[in-house]
C-alpha atoms as a PDB file:
ATOM      1  CA  MET A   1     -14.098   7.434 -15.205  1.00  0.00           C
ATOM      2  CA  TRP A   2     -13.756  10.350 -12.776  1.00  0.00           C
ATOM      3  CA  SER A   3     -15.069   8.165  -9.407  1.00  0.00           C
ATOM      4  CA  ALA A   4     -11.892   5.943 -10.180  1.00  0.00           C
ATOM      5  CA  ALA A   5      -9.375   9.087  -9.872  1.00  0.00           C
ATOM      6  CA  MET A   6     -11.704   9.892  -6.476  1.00  0.00           C
ATOM      7  CA  TRP A   7     -11.186   6.632  -5.088  1.00  0.00           C
ATOM      8  CA  GLY A   8      -7.478   6.237  -5.715  1.00  0.00           C
ATOM      9  CA  GLY A   9      -7.191   9.854  -4.546  1.00  0.00           C
ATOM     10  CA  ILE A  10      -9.015   8.784  -0.886  1.00  0.00           C
ATOM     11  CA  SER A  11      -6.754   5.901  -0.593  1.00  0.00           C
ATOM     12  CA  GLY A  12      -3.661   7.631  -1.247  1.00  0.00           C
ATOM     13  CA  SER A  13      -5.054  10.778   0.855  1.00  0.00           C
ATOM     14  CA  ALA A  14      -4.345   8.396   3.992  1.00  0.00           C
ATOM     15  CA  VAL A  15      -0.232   8.922   3.986  1.00  0.00           C
ATOM     16  CA  LEU A  16      -0.867  12.701   3.821  1.00  0.00           C
ATOM     17  CA  LEU A  17      -3.226  12.448   6.907  1.00  0.00           C
ATOM     18  CA  GLY A  18      -0.850   9.915   8.531  1.00  0.00           C
ATOM     19  CA  ALA A  19       1.628  12.715   8.043  1.00  0.00           C
ATOM     20  CA  ILE A  20      -0.044  15.442   9.185  1.00  0.00           C
ATOM     21  CA  ALA A  21      -0.740  13.590  12.221  1.00  0.00           C
ATOM     22  CA  ALA A  22       2.953  12.622  12.573  1.00  0.00           C
ATOM     23  CA  MET A  23       3.858  16.286  12.627  1.00  0.00           C
ATOM     24  CA  ALA A  24       1.001  17.496  14.653  1.00  0.00           C
ATOM     25  CA  PHE A  25       0.841  15.043  17.534  1.00  0.00           C
ATOM     26  CA  PRO A  26       3.508  12.781  19.250  1.00  0.00           C
ATOM     27  CA  ILE A  27       2.455   9.105  18.299  1.00  0.00           C
ATOM     28  CA  LYS A  28       3.908   6.278  20.269  1.00  0.00           C
ATOM     29  CA  LYS A  29       5.957   4.068  18.273  1.00  0.00           C
ATOM     30  CA  LYS A  30       3.800   1.358  19.947  1.00  0.00           C
ATOM     31  CA  ILE A  31       0.853   2.706  18.533  1.00  0.00           C
ATOM     32  CA  ILE A  32       1.977   2.872  15.012  1.00  0.00           C
ATOM     33  CA  GLY A  33       3.202  -0.385  15.225  1.00  0.00           C
ATOM     34  CA  PHE A  34      -0.287  -1.573  16.366  1.00  0.00           C
ATOM     35  CA  ILE A  35      -1.956   0.312  13.741  1.00  0.00           C
ATOM     36  CA  MET A  36       0.188  -0.946  10.774  1.00  0.00           C
ATOM     37  CA  ALA A  37      -0.395  -4.368  12.216  1.00  0.00           C
ATOM     38  CA  PHE A  38      -4.208  -3.884  11.671  1.00  0.00           C
ATOM     39  CA  GLY A  39      -3.614  -2.774   8.205  1.00  0.00           C
ATOM     40  CA  THR A  40      -1.021  -5.765   7.231  1.00  0.00           C
ATOM     41  CA  GLY A  41      -4.046  -8.242   8.120  1.00  0.00           C
ATOM     42  CA  VAL A  42      -6.514  -6.167   6.261  1.00  0.00           C
ATOM     43  CA  LEU A  43      -4.360  -6.195   3.116  1.00  0.00           C
ATOM     44  CA  ILE A  44      -3.499  -9.541   3.544  1.00  0.00           C
ATOM     45  CA  GLY A  45      -7.243 -10.405   3.673  1.00  0.00           C
ATOM     46  CA  ALA A  46      -7.881  -7.932   0.526  1.00  0.00           C
ATOM     47  CA  ALA A  47      -5.203  -9.301  -1.408  1.00  0.00           C
ATOM     48  CA  THR A  48      -6.370 -12.837  -0.692  1.00  0.00           C
ATOM     49  CA  TYR A  49     -10.386 -12.393  -1.006  1.00  0.00           C
ATOM     50  CA  GLU A  50     -10.464  -9.673  -3.436  1.00  0.00           C
ATOM     51  CA  LEU A  51      -8.056 -10.494  -5.949  1.00  0.00           C
ATOM     52  CA  LEU A  52      -6.507 -13.565  -5.761  1.00  0.00           C
ATOM     53  CA  GLY A  53      -9.820 -15.031  -5.156  1.00  0.00           C
ATOM     54  CA  GLU A  54     -11.641 -13.021  -8.106  1.00  0.00           C
ATOM     55  CA  SER A  55      -8.517 -13.730 -10.380  1.00  0.00           C
ATOM     56  CA  VAL A  56      -8.914 -17.251  -9.921  1.00  0.00           C
ATOM     57  CA  HIS A  57     -12.430 -17.209 -10.437  1.00  0.00           C
ATOM     58  CA  SER A  58     -12.377 -14.860 -13.877  1.00  0.00           C
ATOM     59  CA  GLY A  59      -9.481 -16.249 -15.305  1.00  0.00           C
ATOM     60  CA  GLY A  60      -8.107 -19.422 -13.831  1.00  0.00           C
ATOM     61  CA  LEU A  61      -5.202 -21.014 -11.893  1.00  0.00           C
ATOM     62  CA  PHE A  62      -2.353 -20.411 -14.360  1.00  0.00           C
ATOM     63  CA  PRO A  63      -2.686 -16.691 -15.362  1.00  0.00           C
ATOM     64  CA  THR A  64      -3.507 -16.002 -11.758  1.00  0.00           C
ATOM     65  CA  SER A  65      -0.270 -18.005 -10.664  1.00  0.00           C
ATOM     66  CA  MET A  66       1.823 -16.266 -13.404  1.00  0.00           C
ATOM     67  CA  GLY A  67       0.665 -12.502 -12.490  1.00  0.00           C
ATOM     68  CA  PHE A  68       1.076 -13.607  -8.616  1.00  0.00           C
ATOM     69  CA  VAL A  69       4.896 -14.398  -9.094  1.00  0.00           C
ATOM     70  CA  THR A  70       5.715 -11.809 -11.466  1.00  0.00           C
ATOM     71  CA  GLY A  71       4.364  -9.056  -9.013  1.00  0.00           C
ATOM     72  CA  ALA A  72       6.283 -10.624  -6.229  1.00  0.00           C
ATOM     73  CA  VAL A  73       9.672 -10.756  -8.397  1.00  0.00           C
ATOM     74  CA  VAL A  74       9.203  -7.177  -9.786  1.00  0.00           C
ATOM     75  CA  PHE A  75       8.590  -5.891  -6.280  1.00  0.00           C
ATOM     76  CA  THR A  76      11.260  -7.505  -4.535  1.00  0.00           C
ATOM     77  CA  VAL A  77      13.745  -6.364  -7.571  1.00  0.00           C
ATOM     78  CA  LEU A  78      12.771  -2.900  -7.314  1.00  0.00           C
ATOM     79  CA  ASP A  79      12.431  -2.916  -3.242  1.00  0.00           C
ATOM     80  CA  LEU A  80      16.154  -3.994  -3.526  1.00  0.00           C
ATOM     81  CA  ILE A  81      16.702  -1.173  -5.837  1.00  0.00           C
ATOM     82  CA  VAL A  82      15.155   1.483  -3.735  1.00  0.00           C
ATOM     83  CA  SER A  83      16.778   0.123  -0.460  1.00  0.00           C
ATOM     84  CA  ARG A  84      20.199   0.836  -1.753  1.00  0.00           C
ATOM     85  CA  LYS A  85      19.608   4.140  -2.391  1.00  0.00           C
ATOM     86  CA  GLY A  86      18.360   4.858   1.278  1.00  0.00           C
ATOM     87  CA  ALA A  87      14.466   3.618   1.208  1.00  0.00           C
ATOM     88  CA  GLN A  88      15.357   0.300   3.002  1.00  0.00           C
ATOM     89  CA  LYS A  89      13.376   2.225   6.091  1.00  0.00           C
ATOM     90  CA  ARG A  90      10.819   3.960   4.358  1.00  0.00           C
ATOM     91  CA  LYS A  91       8.034   2.606   6.922  1.00  0.00           C
ATOM     92  CA  ARG A  92      10.680   3.074  10.104  1.00  0.00           C
ATOM     93  CA  SER A  93       9.529   5.929  12.621  1.00  0.00           C
ATOM     94  CA  ALA A  94      13.302   5.214  14.089  1.00  0.00           C
ATOM     95  CA  GLY A  95      14.875   7.907  11.705  1.00  0.00           C
ATOM     96  CA  GLN A  96      17.618   7.500   9.483  1.00  0.00           C
ATOM     97  CA  ASP A  97      20.786   9.339  10.995  1.00  0.00           C
ATOM     98  CA  GLY A  98      23.554   9.043   8.304  1.00  0.00           C
ATOM     99  CA  ALA A  99      21.524   7.898   5.435  1.00  0.00           C
ATOM    100  CA  PRO A 100      22.382   9.377   2.196  1.00  0.00           C
ATOM    101  CA  SER A 101      21.307  12.639   1.008  1.00  0.00           C
ATOM    102  CA  GLY A 102      19.216  11.404  -1.725  1.00  0.00           C
ATOM    103  CA  SER A 103      17.352   8.965   0.687  1.00  0.00           C
ATOM    104  CA  GLY A 104      14.549  11.341   0.951  1.00  0.00           C
ATOM    105  CA  LEU A 105      13.581  10.886  -2.314  1.00  0.00           C
ATOM    106  CA  ALA A 106      14.229   6.819  -2.383  1.00  0.00           C
ATOM    107  CA  ILE A 107      11.576   6.900   0.270  1.00  0.00           C
ATOM    108  CA  PHE A 108       9.491   8.833  -1.871  1.00  0.00           C
ATOM    109  CA  ILE A 109      10.177   6.389  -5.078  1.00  0.00           C
ATOM    110  CA  GLY A 110       9.403   3.451  -2.938  1.00  0.00           C
ATOM    111  CA  THR A 111       6.213   4.779  -1.273  1.00  0.00           C
ATOM    112  CA  VAL A 112       5.077   5.495  -4.517  1.00  0.00           C
ATOM    113  CA  MET A 113       6.007   1.820  -5.957  1.00  0.00           C
ATOM    114  CA  ASP A 114       3.928   0.418  -3.170  1.00  0.00           C
ATOM    115  CA  ALA A 115       0.981   2.773  -4.225  1.00  0.00           C
ATOM    116  CA  ILE A 116       0.897   2.205  -8.026  1.00  0.00           C
ATOM    117  CA  PRO A 117      -0.703  -1.373  -8.440  1.00  0.00           C
ATOM    118  CA  GLU A 118      -2.753  -0.677  -5.446  1.00  0.00           C
ATOM    119  CA  SER A 119      -4.528   2.140  -7.323  1.00  0.00           C
ATOM    120  CA  ILE A 120      -4.427   0.620 -10.622  1.00  0.00           C
ATOM    121  CA  ILE A 121      -6.464  -1.952  -9.302  1.00  0.00           C
ATOM    122  CA  ILE A 122      -9.057   0.458  -7.512  1.00  0.00           C
ATOM    123  CA  GLY A 123      -9.639   1.769 -10.800  1.00  0.00           C
ATOM    124  CA  ALA A 124     -10.095  -1.553 -12.621  1.00  0.00           C
ATOM    125  CA  SER A 125     -12.223  -2.597  -9.572  1.00  0.00           C
ATOM    126  CA  LEU A 126     -14.790   0.069 -11.054  1.00  0.00           C
ATOM    127  CA  ILE A 127     -14.983  -1.713 -14.549  1.00  0.00           C
ATOM    128  CA  GLU A 128     -16.938  -4.691 -13.952  1.00  0.00           C
ATOM    129  CA  ASN A 129     -19.646  -3.827 -11.333  1.00  0.00           C
ATOM    130  CA  ASN A 130     -19.617   0.214 -11.631  1.00  0.00           C
ATOM    131  CA  SER A 131     -18.954   0.292  -8.462  1.00  0.00           C
ATOM    132  CA  VAL A 132     -15.404   0.392  -6.267  1.00  0.00           C
ATOM    133  CA  SER A 133     -14.115  -2.762  -4.223  1.00  0.00           C
ATOM    134  CA  TRP A 134     -14.907  -1.054  -0.590  1.00  0.00           C
ATOM    135  CA  LEU A 135     -12.529  -3.957   1.067  1.00  0.00           C
ATOM    136  CA  LEU A 136      -9.586  -2.608  -1.442  1.00  0.00           C
ATOM    137  CA  VAL A 137     -10.301   0.994  -0.514  1.00  0.00           C
ATOM    138  CA  ILE A 138     -10.534   0.469   3.043  1.00  0.00           C
ATOM    139  CA  ALA A 139      -7.674  -1.845   3.252  1.00  0.00           C
ATOM    140  CA  ILE A 140      -5.314   0.434   1.262  1.00  0.00           C
ATOM    141  CA  PHE A 141      -6.618   3.435   3.552  1.00  0.00           C
ATOM    142  CA  ILE A 142      -5.997   1.750   6.584  1.00  0.00           C
ATOM    143  CA  SER A 143      -2.596   0.869   5.883  1.00  0.00           C
ATOM    144  CA  ASN A 144      -1.613   3.880   4.367  1.00  0.00           C
ATOM    145  CA  ILE A 145      -1.986   5.588   7.522  1.00  0.00           C
ATOM    146  CA  PRO A 146       0.911   4.314   9.593  1.00  0.00           C
ATOM    147  CA  GLU A 147       2.853   4.529   6.187  1.00  0.00           C
ATOM    148  CA  GLY A 148       2.217   8.198   6.483  1.00  0.00           C
ATOM    149  CA  LEU A 149       2.920   8.356  10.176  1.00  0.00           C
ATOM    150  CA  SER A 150       5.965   6.118  10.392  1.00  0.00           C
ATOM    151  CA  SER A 151       7.997   7.007   7.249  1.00  0.00           C
ATOM    152  CA  THR A 152       7.313  11.045   8.433  1.00  0.00           C
ATOM    153  CA  SER A 153       8.541  10.342  11.902  1.00  0.00           C
ATOM    154  CA  GLY A 154      11.613   8.803  10.032  1.00  0.00           C
ATOM    155  CA  MET A 155      12.271  11.802   7.711  1.00  0.00           C
ATOM    156  CA  LEU A 156      11.647  14.423  10.240  1.00  0.00           C
ATOM    157  CA  LYS A 157      14.247  12.917  12.581  1.00  0.00           C
ATOM    158  CA  SER A 158      16.483  12.520   9.396  1.00  0.00           C
ATOM    159  CA  ASN A 159      16.262  16.474   9.114  1.00  0.00           C
ATOM    160  CA  ILE A 160      14.044  16.590   6.027  1.00  0.00           C
ATOM    161  CA  SER A 161      11.538  19.585   6.048  1.00  0.00           C
ATOM    162  CA  LYS A 162       8.253  19.449   6.916  1.00  0.00           C
ATOM    163  CA  GLN A 163       7.233  21.433   3.691  1.00  0.00           C
ATOM    164  CA  LYS A 164       9.428  19.075   1.510  1.00  0.00           C
ATOM    165  CA  ILE A 165       7.680  15.917   3.133  1.00  0.00           C
ATOM    166  CA  LEU A 166       4.193  17.577   2.736  1.00  0.00           C
ATOM    167  CA  ILE A 167       4.834  18.144  -0.873  1.00  0.00           C
ATOM    168  CA  LEU A 168       6.209  14.606  -1.178  1.00  0.00           C
ATOM    169  CA  TRP A 169       2.836  12.846   0.091  1.00  0.00           C
ATOM    170  CA  ILE A 170       0.595  15.201  -1.873  1.00  0.00           C
ATOM    171  CA  THR A 171       2.360  14.034  -4.856  1.00  0.00           C
ATOM    172  CA  VAL A 172       1.757  10.336  -3.771  1.00  0.00           C
ATOM    173  CA  LEU A 173      -1.965  11.416  -3.604  1.00  0.00           C
ATOM    174  CA  VAL A 174      -1.703  12.590  -7.153  1.00  0.00           C
ATOM    175  CA  ILE A 175      -0.182   9.819  -8.353  1.00  0.00           C
ATOM    176  CA  SER A 176      -2.379   7.303  -6.774  1.00  0.00           C
ATOM    177  CA  ALA A 177      -5.709   9.258  -8.264  1.00  0.00           C
ATOM    178  CA  PHE A 178      -4.041   9.294 -11.715  1.00  0.00           C
ATOM    179  CA  CYS A 179      -2.835   5.600 -11.517  1.00  0.00           C
ATOM    180  CA  SER A 180      -6.535   4.586 -10.366  1.00  0.00           C
ATOM    181  CA  TRP A 181      -8.333   6.830 -13.135  1.00  0.00           C
ATOM    182  CA  ALA A 182      -5.698   4.912 -15.703  1.00  0.00           C
ATOM    183  CA  GLY A 183      -6.516   1.627 -14.138  1.00  0.00           C
ATOM    184  CA  TYR A 184     -10.056   2.168 -15.467  1.00  0.00           C
ATOM    185  CA  ILE A 185      -9.784   4.137 -18.786  1.00  0.00           C
ATOM    186  CA  PHE A 186      -7.116   1.696 -20.227  1.00  0.00           C
ATOM    187  CA  LEU A 187      -8.152  -1.988 -18.561  1.00  0.00           C
ATOM    188  CA  GLU A 188     -11.720  -1.276 -19.690  1.00  0.00           C
ATOM    189  CA  ASP A 189     -11.812  -3.653 -22.382  1.00  0.00           C
ATOM    190  CA  ALA A 190      -9.235  -5.908 -21.165  1.00  0.00           C
ATOM    191  CA  SER A 191     -10.025  -9.726 -21.384  1.00  0.00           C
ATOM    192  CA  GLU A 192     -10.590 -11.746 -18.423  1.00  0.00           C
ATOM    193  CA  ASP A 193      -7.278 -13.272 -18.720  1.00  0.00           C
ATOM    194  CA  LEU A 194      -5.645  -9.967 -18.447  1.00  0.00           C
ATOM    195  CA  MET A 195      -7.569  -8.889 -15.611  1.00  0.00           C
ATOM    196  CA  ALA A 196      -6.742 -12.065 -13.398  1.00  0.00           C
ATOM    197  CA  ILE A 197      -2.964 -11.573 -14.459  1.00  0.00           C
ATOM    198  CA  ILE A 198      -3.467  -7.633 -13.512  1.00  0.00           C
ATOM    199  CA  ALA A 199      -5.256  -8.121 -10.505  1.00  0.00           C
ATOM    200  CA  SER A 200      -2.609 -11.045  -9.236  1.00  0.00           C
ATOM    201  CA  PHE A 201       0.242  -8.779 -10.151  1.00  0.00           C
ATOM    202  CA  ALA A 202      -1.325  -6.464  -7.506  1.00  0.00           C
ATOM    203  CA  ALA A 203      -1.700  -9.146  -5.010  1.00  0.00           C
ATOM    204  CA  GLY A 204       1.822 -10.392  -5.587  1.00  0.00           C
ATOM    205  CA  GLY A 205       3.337  -6.918  -4.917  1.00  0.00           C
ATOM    206  CA  ILE A 206       1.021  -6.210  -1.948  1.00  0.00           C
ATOM    207  CA  ILE A 207       2.012  -9.170   0.061  1.00  0.00           C
ATOM    208  CA  THR A 208       5.748  -9.244  -0.833  1.00  0.00           C
ATOM    209  CA  MET A 209       5.527  -5.601   0.668  1.00  0.00           C
ATOM    210  CA  VAL A 210       3.505  -6.435   3.492  1.00  0.00           C
ATOM    211  CA  GLY A 211       6.243  -9.282   4.281  1.00  0.00           C
ATOM    212  CA  SER A 212       9.110  -7.366   3.921  1.00  0.00           C
ATOM    213  CA  THR A 213       8.515  -3.882   5.114  1.00  0.00           C
ATOM    214  CA  MET A 214       4.800  -3.692   6.985  1.00  0.00           C
ATOM    215  CA  LEU A 215       5.187  -6.786   9.138  1.00  0.00           C
ATOM    216  CA  PRO A 216       8.746  -6.065  10.271  1.00  0.00           C
ATOM    217  CA  GLU A 217       7.924  -2.195  11.488  1.00  0.00           C
ATOM    218  CA  ALA A 218       4.884  -3.352  13.157  1.00  0.00           C
ATOM    219  CA  PHE A 219       6.473  -5.791  15.428  1.00  0.00           C
ATOM    220  CA  GLU A 220       9.789  -3.975  15.893  1.00  0.00           C
ATOM    221  CA  GLU A 221       7.158  -1.308  17.255  1.00  0.00           C
ATOM    222  CA  GLY A 222       4.409  -3.048  18.547  1.00  0.00           C
ATOM    223  CA  GLY A 223       5.983  -6.362  19.776  1.00  0.00           C
ATOM    224  CA  SER A 224       4.340  -9.751  20.234  1.00  0.00           C
ATOM    225  CA  LEU A 225       0.673  -8.375  20.137  1.00  0.00           C
ATOM    226  CA  VAL A 226       0.960  -7.438  16.584  1.00  0.00           C
ATOM    227  CA  GLY A 227       0.197 -11.106  15.503  1.00  0.00           C
ATOM    228  CA  LEU A 228      -3.124 -10.720  17.064  1.00  0.00           C
ATOM    229  CA  ILE A 229      -3.918  -7.582  15.911  1.00  0.00           C
ATOM    230  CA  ALA A 230      -2.877  -8.602  12.237  1.00  0.00           C
ATOM    231  CA  SER A 231      -5.275 -11.371  12.859  1.00  0.00           C
ATOM    232  CA  ILE A 232      -7.970  -9.091  13.943  1.00  0.00           C
ATOM    233  CA  GLY A 233      -7.532  -6.749  10.637  1.00  0.00           C
ATOM    234  CA  LEU A 234      -7.688 -10.115   8.660  1.00  0.00           C
ATOM    235  CA  LEU A 235     -10.924 -10.908  10.344  1.00  0.00           C
ATOM    236  CA  ALA A 236     -12.071  -7.522   9.370  1.00  0.00           C
ATOM    237  CA  SER A 237     -11.588  -7.863   6.069  1.00  0.00           C
ATOM    238  CA  LEU A 238     -13.329 -11.269   5.833  1.00  0.00           C
ATOM    239  CA  ILE A 239     -16.162  -9.700   7.388  1.00  0.00           C
ATOM    240  CA  LEU A 240     -16.055  -6.894   4.985  1.00  0.00           C
ATOM    241  CA  THR A 241     -16.287  -9.110   1.783  1.00  0.00           C
ATOM    242  CA  LYS A 242     -19.819 -10.292   3.654  1.00  0.00           C
ATOM    243  CA  ILE A 243     -21.270  -6.876   4.030  1.00  0.00           C
END
């Protein structure tokens, strides 16, 4: 039970580590773009191999398809809502001059929205095998580092204090740990069909998030090389499934 919270916290801690790095070191935007591109590839692989593949195997194609489409639609709707509140560039390092006063909170809400399905499925992954899905933890951890880097750089340029930024990211860490714990506790007796829907729901949210936020940021900062780097990240996720 507590190991679920620990692994959720570890994956969520990467946002805080990225934030601290952004505050301490002048990291070039191109490097942030490269890291985000690699994380994009790894996340796509994790969603495909670990979540969708397992969902089809355990629950069948229909529950998987239903959960995947629902996750994509729900994420899109929520993303539109928080974007209108000032979080449309929550993964951008360029800053948000003239952003509304509530944009810092909107960025936080958007980041939590990204983290919740990922953390729940980390906790759920412990149920079947009594061991965490290393691919999911590594993929989410890698993708969260550039999110912390980029979002923090943008918030600093928007004159949000370092103290407030750290409080926001520590809260994300706590929420990630709690959601992973909740995923383990409340899904322990779930049917295979329900688990398939939940896993594919998370996959739909992850893929939609990657396409709407991570890939645009990666290409904007890293240029044409991001396609190659994302491909390497996808290959890395495939290798991790075989280890």
